[in-house]
Protein backbone atom coordinates (compact mmCIF):
# COMPACT_ATOMS: atom_id res chain seq x y z
CA MET A 1 11.57 -9.81 -24.35
CA LYS A 2 13.50 -10.65 -21.19
CA ILE A 3 14.01 -14.21 -19.97
CA SER A 4 15.93 -15.70 -17.06
CA ILE A 5 17.82 -18.98 -16.98
CA ALA A 6 18.94 -20.97 -13.94
CA LEU A 7 22.35 -22.62 -14.17
CA ILE A 8 22.28 -25.60 -11.82
CA GLY A 9 25.71 -26.56 -10.54
CA ASN A 10 28.52 -25.41 -8.32
CA HIS A 11 30.12 -22.51 -10.11
CA ASP A 12 33.87 -22.75 -10.64
CA GLU A 13 35.51 -20.19 -12.88
CA SER A 14 38.38 -22.61 -13.57
CA VAL A 15 35.97 -24.92 -15.42
CA THR A 16 35.97 -24.16 -19.13
CA ALA A 17 32.27 -24.96 -19.54
CA HIS A 18 31.34 -22.63 -16.69
CA ARG A 19 33.12 -19.75 -18.40
CA ALA A 20 31.60 -20.65 -21.75
CA ILE A 21 27.93 -21.04 -20.80
CA PRO A 22 27.13 -17.36 -20.10
CA LEU A 23 28.96 -16.44 -23.30
CA ALA A 24 27.00 -19.02 -25.30
CA ILE A 25 23.70 -17.79 -23.90
CA GLY A 26 24.70 -14.21 -24.70
CA LEU A 27 25.51 -15.08 -28.32
CA ALA A 28 22.22 -16.93 -28.77
CA ALA A 29 20.26 -14.10 -27.13
CA ASP A 30 21.87 -11.55 -29.42
CA ALA A 31 21.01 -13.68 -32.45
CA LEU A 32 17.39 -13.86 -31.30
CA GLN A 33 17.35 -10.20 -30.26
CA ILE A 34 16.18 -10.93 -26.75
CA ASP A 35 17.51 -10.16 -23.27
CA ALA A 36 18.61 -13.28 -21.40
CA THR A 37 19.91 -13.19 -17.84
CA VAL A 38 21.57 -16.09 -16.06
CA GLU A 39 21.81 -16.98 -12.39
CA TRP A 40 23.95 -19.69 -10.86
CA VAL A 41 21.97 -21.84 -8.45
CA ALA A 42 24.18 -24.02 -6.27
CA THR A 43 22.99 -27.58 -5.84
CA GLU A 44 22.73 -26.98 -2.08
CA SER A 45 20.35 -24.06 -2.68
CA VAL A 46 17.79 -25.69 -4.97
CA SER A 47 14.13 -25.26 -4.04
CA ALA A 48 10.84 -25.19 -5.92
CA GLU A 49 10.33 -21.59 -4.85
CA LYS A 50 13.70 -20.61 -6.30
CA LEU A 51 13.30 -22.56 -9.55
CA SER A 52 9.83 -21.18 -10.23
CA GLN A 53 11.41 -17.78 -10.91
CA PHE A 54 13.08 -18.98 -14.13
CA HIS A 55 11.97 -19.55 -17.72
CA ALA A 56 14.56 -22.26 -18.39
CA ILE A 57 16.90 -24.53 -16.44
CA TRP A 58 20.37 -25.67 -17.54
CA SER A 59 22.09 -28.44 -15.59
CA VAL A 60 25.77 -27.73 -16.18
CA PRO A 61 29.01 -29.76 -16.40
CA ALA A 62 31.50 -30.45 -13.60
CA SER A 63 30.70 -33.14 -11.08
CA PRO A 64 30.50 -34.55 -8.53
CA TYR A 65 27.95 -31.92 -7.55
CA LYS A 66 28.09 -30.88 -3.91
CA ASN A 67 24.49 -32.02 -3.47
CA ILE A 68 23.25 -34.68 -5.89
CA ASP A 69 19.73 -34.51 -4.45
CA GLY A 70 19.58 -30.81 -5.25
CA ALA A 71 20.68 -31.44 -8.82
CA LEU A 72 18.12 -34.21 -9.29
CA THR A 73 15.39 -32.06 -7.73
CA ALA A 74 16.05 -29.27 -10.23
CA ILE A 75 15.89 -31.69 -13.15
CA GLN A 76 12.70 -33.27 -11.83
CA PHE A 77 11.14 -29.81 -11.37
CA ALA A 78 11.86 -28.90 -14.98
CA ARG A 79 10.56 -32.21 -16.30
CA ARG A 80 7.35 -32.18 -14.29
CA ASN A 81 6.52 -28.53 -14.97
CA ASP A 82 7.31 -28.44 -18.70
CA ILE A 83 10.09 -25.90 -18.10
CA PRO A 84 12.67 -25.79 -20.92
CA PHE A 85 15.66 -27.86 -19.82
CA LEU A 86 19.14 -28.50 -21.16
CA GLY A 87 21.58 -30.87 -19.50
CA THR A 88 25.14 -30.95 -20.84
CA CYS A 89 27.88 -33.42 -19.90
CA SER A 90 27.29 -33.98 -16.15
CA GLY A 91 23.84 -32.45 -16.54
CA TYR A 92 23.06 -35.03 -19.24
CA GLN A 93 24.21 -37.85 -16.97
CA HIS A 94 22.15 -36.67 -14.01
CA ALA A 95 19.03 -36.13 -16.13
CA ILE A 96 19.27 -39.77 -17.20
CA LEU A 97 19.65 -40.80 -13.56
CA GLU A 98 16.67 -38.66 -12.55
CA PHE A 99 14.45 -40.27 -15.17
CA ALA A 100 15.60 -43.78 -14.29
CA GLN A 101 15.00 -43.22 -10.58
CA HIS A 102 11.83 -41.13 -10.51
CA VAL A 103 10.00 -42.25 -13.66
CA LEU A 104 11.16 -45.82 -14.22
CA GLY A 105 11.57 -46.68 -10.55
CA PHE A 106 15.20 -47.79 -10.60
CA GLU A 107 16.21 -46.22 -7.30
CA LYS A 108 19.64 -47.86 -7.32
CA ALA A 109 20.66 -46.30 -10.64
CA MET A 110 23.82 -44.33 -9.96
CA ILE A 111 27.17 -43.08 -11.23
CA GLU A 112 30.11 -45.42 -10.64
CA LYS A 113 33.65 -44.56 -9.64
CA SER A 114 35.69 -42.60 -12.18
CA GLY A 115 39.19 -41.78 -11.01
CA HIS A 116 37.66 -40.02 -8.04
CA VAL A 117 34.49 -41.08 -6.27
CA GLU A 118 31.45 -39.58 -7.99
CA HIS A 119 28.53 -40.67 -5.83
CA ASN A 120 28.60 -44.40 -5.18
CA PRO A 121 31.70 -46.30 -6.32
CA GLU A 122 30.13 -49.64 -5.43
CA THR A 123 26.67 -49.05 -6.87
CA GLU A 124 24.63 -52.12 -7.79
CA MET A 125 23.37 -50.39 -10.94
CA PRO A 126 26.09 -48.28 -12.61
CA LEU A 127 23.80 -46.63 -15.16
CA ILE A 128 26.48 -44.00 -15.75
CA SER A 129 29.87 -45.66 -16.01
CA VAL A 130 33.45 -45.07 -17.08
CA LEU A 131 33.95 -44.85 -20.84
CA SER A 132 36.40 -47.24 -22.48
CA ASN A 133 37.65 -44.28 -24.52
CA GLU A 134 37.65 -41.00 -22.65
CA LEU A 135 36.54 -37.92 -24.54
CA ILE A 136 38.63 -35.32 -22.74
CA GLU A 137 39.23 -32.16 -24.77
CA ASN A 138 38.22 -34.04 -27.90
CA SER A 139 35.56 -33.90 -30.60
CA ALA A 140 33.58 -36.69 -32.23
CA GLU A 141 30.86 -37.27 -34.79
CA ILE A 142 27.26 -37.97 -33.82
CA THR A 143 24.41 -39.17 -36.01
CA LEU A 144 21.01 -37.70 -35.14
CA ALA A 145 17.71 -39.45 -35.78
CA SER A 146 16.20 -37.59 -38.72
CA GLU A 147 12.77 -37.28 -37.11
CA SER A 148 14.10 -36.04 -33.77
CA GLN A 149 13.46 -32.67 -32.21
CA VAL A 150 17.20 -32.14 -31.85
CA ALA A 151 17.78 -32.71 -35.57
CA THR A 152 15.27 -29.99 -36.42
CA TYR A 153 17.27 -27.44 -34.43
CA TYR A 154 20.43 -28.25 -36.34
CA GLN A 155 18.60 -28.23 -39.67
CA SER A 156 17.17 -24.82 -38.87
CA ARG A 157 20.75 -23.55 -38.79
CA LYS A 158 21.20 -24.48 -42.44
CA ASN A 159 22.77 -27.83 -41.68
CA PRO A 160 20.78 -30.36 -43.72
CA SER A 161 22.97 -33.26 -42.58
CA GLU A 162 22.00 -35.44 -39.63
CA LYS A 163 25.68 -35.89 -38.78
CA ILE A 164 27.20 -33.37 -36.41
CA THR A 165 30.59 -32.98 -34.76
CA GLU A 166 30.74 -31.70 -31.20
CA ASP A 167 33.27 -31.07 -28.41
CA TYR A 168 33.52 -33.23 -25.29
CA HIS A 169 35.15 -33.20 -21.89
CA SER A 170 34.01 -36.39 -20.18
CA SER A 171 35.21 -39.77 -18.96
CA LEU A 172 31.69 -41.05 -18.21
CA GLY A 173 28.79 -42.21 -20.35
CA VAL A 174 25.60 -44.26 -20.37
CA ASN A 175 26.20 -47.92 -19.60
CA GLN A 176 24.71 -49.63 -22.64
CA ASP A 177 23.90 -52.75 -20.61
CA TYR A 178 21.01 -50.77 -19.13
CA LEU A 179 19.64 -49.08 -22.23
CA PHE A 180 16.76 -51.56 -22.34
CA ILE A 181 15.15 -49.92 -19.30
CA PHE A 182 14.28 -46.90 -21.46
CA ASP A 183 12.48 -48.95 -24.12
CA GLY A 184 8.95 -47.64 -24.55
CA SER A 185 9.51 -44.68 -22.23
CA GLU A 186 9.20 -40.99 -23.01
CA LEU A 187 12.97 -40.51 -22.90
CA TYR A 188 14.34 -41.04 -26.39
CA PHE A 189 18.03 -41.38 -27.27
CA SER A 190 18.09 -39.45 -30.52
CA GLY A 191 21.84 -39.17 -31.17
CA HIS A 192 24.55 -41.85 -31.24
CA ASP A 193 28.26 -42.01 -31.98
CA LYS A 194 29.90 -44.27 -34.56
CA SER A 195 29.90 -47.20 -32.12
CA GLY A 196 26.20 -46.82 -31.43
CA ALA A 197 26.66 -45.36 -27.95
CA PRO A 198 23.98 -42.77 -27.02
CA LYS A 199 25.13 -39.16 -26.88
CA VAL A 200 21.88 -37.18 -27.05
CA PHE A 201 18.45 -37.65 -25.50
CA GLU A 202 15.18 -35.77 -25.64
CA ILE A 203 11.66 -36.03 -24.30
CA PRO A 204 9.58 -35.16 -27.38
CA GLN A 205 6.38 -34.61 -25.37
CA HIS A 206 8.07 -31.84 -23.40
CA ARG A 207 8.35 -28.17 -24.43
CA PHE A 208 12.15 -28.60 -24.58
CA PHE A 209 13.92 -31.30 -22.59
CA VAL A 210 17.29 -32.19 -24.10
CA GLY A 211 20.52 -33.69 -22.81
CA THR A 212 23.88 -33.97 -24.53
CA ALA A 213 26.99 -35.91 -23.54
CA PHE A 214 28.95 -33.20 -25.34
CA GLN A 215 29.31 -29.54 -24.36
CA PRO A 216 27.56 -27.28 -26.89
CA GLU A 217 28.53 -24.27 -24.80
CA ARG A 218 32.11 -24.61 -26.07
CA SER A 219 30.89 -23.18 -29.40
CA ALA A 220 31.02 -19.78 -27.72
CA LEU A 221 34.80 -20.07 -27.41
CA LYS A 222 34.81 -20.00 -31.23
CA GLU A 223 32.27 -17.15 -31.21
CA GLN A 224 29.65 -19.42 -32.78
CA VAL A 225 25.94 -19.50 -31.99
CA HIS A 226 24.86 -23.03 -31.15
CA PRO A 227 21.47 -24.28 -32.43
CA LEU A 228 20.58 -26.16 -29.24
CA ILE A 229 21.22 -23.11 -27.08
CA THR A 230 19.14 -21.02 -29.46
CA GLY A 231 16.44 -23.67 -29.16
CA LEU A 232 16.56 -23.50 -25.36
CA LEU A 233 16.13 -19.72 -25.42
CA GLN A 234 13.29 -19.90 -27.93
CA ALA A 235 11.51 -22.38 -25.67
CA ALA A 236 12.11 -20.07 -22.70
CA VAL A 237 10.44 -17.24 -24.58
CA GLU A 238 7.47 -19.50 -25.31
CA MET A 239 7.41 -20.46 -21.63
CA LYS A 240 7.28 -16.82 -20.55
CA ILE A 241 4.48 -16.02 -22.98
CA ALA A 242 2.48 -19.08 -21.93
CA THR A 243 2.75 -18.25 -18.23
CA ALA A 244 2.31 -14.46 -18.49
């Protein structure tokens, strides 16, 4: 079985996550005994025609993206077409923005200033804002909701606990003042840190639509197969079979 995965972002070999992601996909593909190819799709080059060629879409770390509209378009395409999607770090942040803007109707939802200008330093609705405690090159514990889709992927890797520890490289996070806008929506925050801040989301009605504030791809630097990346690839296989 051969699947293809689009990596949405502006490739930079100096970014640790960008080096790690192809390795992480390779490890997961080997574990599943499938052939997975990856292609970097720059945010300026996103189109429906291009994205329709892939079985999964991964919105990758490192922002600001050169074209935020391209990044949001790719996320929206995956969400609307039930294409397996993973957003990590910046990808997680932009997936939350995409949902807030295009599903909930909060067009002014944006990322605020963080050291350098992300997209709109004077936004009226800083849905993604600067963390009080940066998680740069650090790890932290997360508690997963026991009934969540994400928890089942970790449990399938012989980890019966709903507490996980993951690696981060981020100074931004969800502004908890705006969490209420997601109440009753399809987007479900299924993982939180010790302070109660959201670190994982999923859309349970979707084939696979998951975002993480952490960077699961960094597991590849320890030569470890990550359960969420395995889950993404399994969903991509299902996508290929369903659309064959």
